[in-house]
């Protein structure tokens, strides 16, 4: 169930972030991404606490990405990691080019 749920959210060309709304790192990740001009429907924040299987989702994220912590940021089908990884991409000037590469931003 958790595997099908996670896999149904992740798709090429879309940015998906698995979050918990009370997590400060999730909030910072949302702030960073909301500043960018995403195409309609290509940025999604998935609150895993709104489901009945939060632990199973985190277990599957660990199996898929090597970490069960949130946020888990997917650029297309590639997980870039969490908040610190996203921040590093932004600071290095690599975030916008990666988002353009998958076609998620309005040009």
C-alpha atoms as a PDB file:
ATOM      1  CA  UNK A   1       0.000   0.000   0.000  1.00  0.00           C
ATOM      2  CA  UNK A   2       2.716   2.488   1.017  1.00  0.00           C
ATOM      3  CA  UNK A   3       4.850   1.504  -1.967  1.00  0.00           C
ATOM      4  CA  UNK A   4       1.953   2.038  -4.380  1.00  0.00           C
ATOM      5  CA  UNK A   5       1.118   5.375  -2.729  1.00  0.00           C
ATOM      6  CA  UNK A   6       4.681   6.724  -2.973  1.00  0.00           C
ATOM      7  CA  UNK A   7       5.212   5.415  -6.508  1.00  0.00           C
ATOM      8  CA  UNK A   8       1.923   6.966  -7.654  1.00  0.00           C
ATOM      9  CA  UNK A   9       3.168  10.414  -6.573  1.00  0.00           C
ATOM     10  CA  UNK A  10       6.628  10.271  -8.166  1.00  0.00           C
ATOM     11  CA  UNK A  11       6.695  10.968 -11.902  1.00  0.00           C
ATOM     12  CA  UNK A  12       9.039  12.385 -14.539  1.00  0.00           C
ATOM     13  CA  UNK A  13       8.926  16.156 -14.886  1.00  0.00           C
ATOM     14  CA  UNK A  14       7.335  16.683 -11.484  1.00  0.00           C
ATOM     15  CA  UNK A  15       8.782  17.734  -8.140  1.00  0.00           C
ATOM     16  CA  UNK A  16       7.321  15.844  -5.191  1.00  0.00           C
ATOM     17  CA  UNK A  17       8.238  16.427  -1.576  1.00  0.00           C
ATOM     18  CA  UNK A  18       7.115  14.069   1.173  1.00  0.00           C
ATOM     19  CA  UNK A  19       6.622  16.134   4.337  1.00  0.00           C
ATOM     20  CA  UNK A  20       5.263  16.342   7.848  1.00  0.00           C
ATOM     21  CA  UNK A  21       3.650  19.766   8.411  1.00  0.00           C
ATOM     22  CA  UNK A  22       5.219  20.286  11.853  1.00  0.00           C
ATOM     23  CA  UNK A  23       8.780  19.582  10.655  1.00  0.00           C
ATOM     24  CA  UNK A  24      10.927  22.757  10.469  1.00  0.00           C
ATOM     25  CA  UNK A  25      13.070  21.285   7.669  1.00  0.00           C
ATOM     26  CA  UNK A  26       9.925  20.534   5.675  1.00  0.00           C
ATOM     27  CA  UNK A  27       8.774  24.126   6.142  1.00  0.00           C
ATOM     28  CA  UNK A  28      12.137  25.477   4.926  1.00  0.00           C
ATOM     29  CA  UNK A  29      12.015  23.157   1.900  1.00  0.00           C
ATOM     30  CA  UNK A  30       8.528  24.420   1.074  1.00  0.00           C
ATOM     31  CA  UNK A  31       9.695  28.047   1.381  1.00  0.00           C
ATOM     32  CA  UNK A  32      12.579  27.478  -1.029  1.00  0.00           C
ATOM     33  CA  UNK A  33      10.485  25.692  -3.639  1.00  0.00           C
ATOM     34  CA  UNK A  34       7.472  28.016  -3.430  1.00  0.00           C
ATOM     35  CA  UNK A  35       9.691  30.926  -4.513  1.00  0.00           C
ATOM     36  CA  UNK A  36      10.249  29.309  -7.909  1.00  0.00           C
ATOM     37  CA  UNK A  37       7.952  29.621 -10.950  1.00  0.00           C
ATOM     38  CA  UNK A  38       6.708  26.051 -11.275  1.00  0.00           C
ATOM     39  CA  UNK A  39       4.364  25.068 -14.081  1.00  0.00           C
ATOM     40  CA  UNK A  40       0.834  24.336 -12.898  1.00  0.00           C
ATOM     41  CA  UNK A  41       0.624  20.944 -11.177  1.00  0.00           C
ATOM     42  CA  UNK A  42       4.338  20.161 -11.271  1.00  0.00           C
ATOM     43  CA  UNK A  43       5.096  20.849  -7.594  1.00  0.00           C
ATOM     44  CA  UNK A  44       3.412  18.722  -4.957  1.00  0.00           C
ATOM     45  CA  UNK A  45       3.885  18.529  -1.212  1.00  0.00           C
ATOM     46  CA  UNK A  46       2.611  15.229   0.177  1.00  0.00           C
ATOM     47  CA  UNK A  47       1.723  15.306   3.881  1.00  0.00           C
ATOM     48  CA  UNK A  48       2.433  11.751   4.986  1.00  0.00           C
ATOM     49  CA  UNK A  49       0.728  12.349   8.347  1.00  0.00           C
ATOM     50  CA  UNK A  50      -2.585  12.733   6.497  1.00  0.00           C
ATOM     51  CA  UNK A  51      -2.480   9.014   5.692  1.00  0.00           C
ATOM     52  CA  UNK A  52      -3.125   6.064   7.958  1.00  0.00           C
ATOM     53  CA  UNK A  53       0.224   4.458   7.138  1.00  0.00           C
ATOM     54  CA  UNK A  54       2.861   7.109   7.920  1.00  0.00           C
ATOM     55  CA  UNK A  55       5.365   4.584   9.313  1.00  0.00           C
ATOM     56  CA  UNK A  56       5.001   2.292   6.304  1.00  0.00           C
ATOM     57  CA  UNK A  57       5.536   5.245   3.954  1.00  0.00           C
ATOM     58  CA  UNK A  58       8.696   6.212   5.832  1.00  0.00           C
ATOM     59  CA  UNK A  59       9.893   2.595   5.759  1.00  0.00           C
ATOM     60  CA  UNK A  60       9.409   2.502   1.987  1.00  0.00           C
ATOM     61  CA  UNK A  61      11.138   5.882   1.563  1.00  0.00           C
ATOM     62  CA  UNK A  62      14.097   4.433   3.466  1.00  0.00           C
ATOM     63  CA  UNK A  63      14.132   1.404   1.174  1.00  0.00           C
ATOM     64  CA  UNK A  64      13.884   3.669  -1.882  1.00  0.00           C
ATOM     65  CA  UNK A  65      16.236   6.498  -0.862  1.00  0.00           C
ATOM     66  CA  UNK A  66      18.355   5.286   2.043  1.00  0.00           C
ATOM     67  CA  UNK A  67      16.671   7.599   4.566  1.00  0.00           C
ATOM     68  CA  UNK A  68      13.281   7.541   6.245  1.00  0.00           C
ATOM     69  CA  UNK A  69      13.420  11.158   7.403  1.00  0.00           C
ATOM     70  CA  UNK A  70      11.381  13.929   5.830  1.00  0.00           C
ATOM     71  CA  UNK A  71      11.464  15.938   3.760  1.00  0.00           C
ATOM     72  CA  UNK A  72      12.322  13.591   0.898  1.00  0.00           C
ATOM     73  CA  UNK A  73      12.644  15.663  -2.266  1.00  0.00           C
ATOM     74  CA  UNK A  74      12.160  14.043  -5.664  1.00  0.00           C
ATOM     75  CA  UNK A  75      13.084  15.858  -8.878  1.00  0.00           C
ATOM     76  CA  UNK A  76      11.298  13.640 -11.337  1.00  0.00           C
ATOM     77  CA  UNK A  77      12.140  10.088 -10.315  1.00  0.00           C
ATOM     78  CA  UNK A  78      15.441  11.081  -8.667  1.00  0.00           C
ATOM     79  CA  UNK A  79      15.552  11.679  -4.930  1.00  0.00           C
ATOM     80  CA  UNK A  80      17.991  14.477  -4.174  1.00  0.00           C
ATOM     81  CA  UNK A  81      17.659  13.979  -0.409  1.00  0.00           C
ATOM     82  CA  UNK A  82      16.318  16.370   2.176  1.00  0.00           C
ATOM     83  CA  UNK A  83      16.365  20.037   3.098  1.00  0.00           C
ATOM     84  CA  UNK A  84      20.146  20.387   3.400  1.00  0.00           C
ATOM     85  CA  UNK A  85      20.610  18.768  -0.014  1.00  0.00           C
ATOM     86  CA  UNK A  86      18.042  21.111  -1.579  1.00  0.00           C
ATOM     87  CA  UNK A  87      19.670  24.108   0.105  1.00  0.00           C
ATOM     88  CA  UNK A  88      23.099  23.042  -1.189  1.00  0.00           C
ATOM     89  CA  UNK A  89      21.741  22.759  -4.754  1.00  0.00           C
ATOM     90  CA  UNK A  90      20.203  26.210  -4.427  1.00  0.00           C
ATOM     91  CA  UNK A  91      23.386  27.781  -3.040  1.00  0.00           C
ATOM     92  CA  UNK A  92      25.539  26.161  -5.733  1.00  0.00           C
ATOM     93  CA  UNK A  93      23.255  27.509  -8.455  1.00  0.00           C
ATOM     94  CA  UNK A  94      22.317  23.975  -9.536  1.00  0.00           C
ATOM     95  CA  UNK A  95      18.662  23.870  -8.443  1.00  0.00           C
ATOM     96  CA  UNK A  96      17.063  25.978 -11.187  1.00  0.00           C
ATOM     97  CA  UNK A  97      19.020  24.267 -14.004  1.00  0.00           C
ATOM     98  CA  UNK A  98      17.986  20.836 -12.653  1.00  0.00           C
ATOM     99  CA  UNK A  99      14.341  21.945 -12.475  1.00  0.00           C
ATOM    100  CA  UNK A 100      14.522  23.346 -16.018  1.00  0.00           C
ATOM    101  CA  UNK A 101      16.089  20.080 -17.191  1.00  0.00           C
ATOM    102  CA  UNK A 102      13.054  18.083 -16.065  1.00  0.00           C
ATOM    103  CA  UNK A 103      10.683  20.708 -17.472  1.00  0.00           C
ATOM    104  CA  UNK A 104       9.108  21.716 -14.166  1.00  0.00           C
ATOM    105  CA  UNK A 105       9.646  25.488 -14.392  1.00  0.00           C
ATOM    106  CA  UNK A 106       7.936  28.134 -16.487  1.00  0.00           C
ATOM    107  CA  UNK A 107      10.535  29.661 -18.747  1.00  0.00           C
END
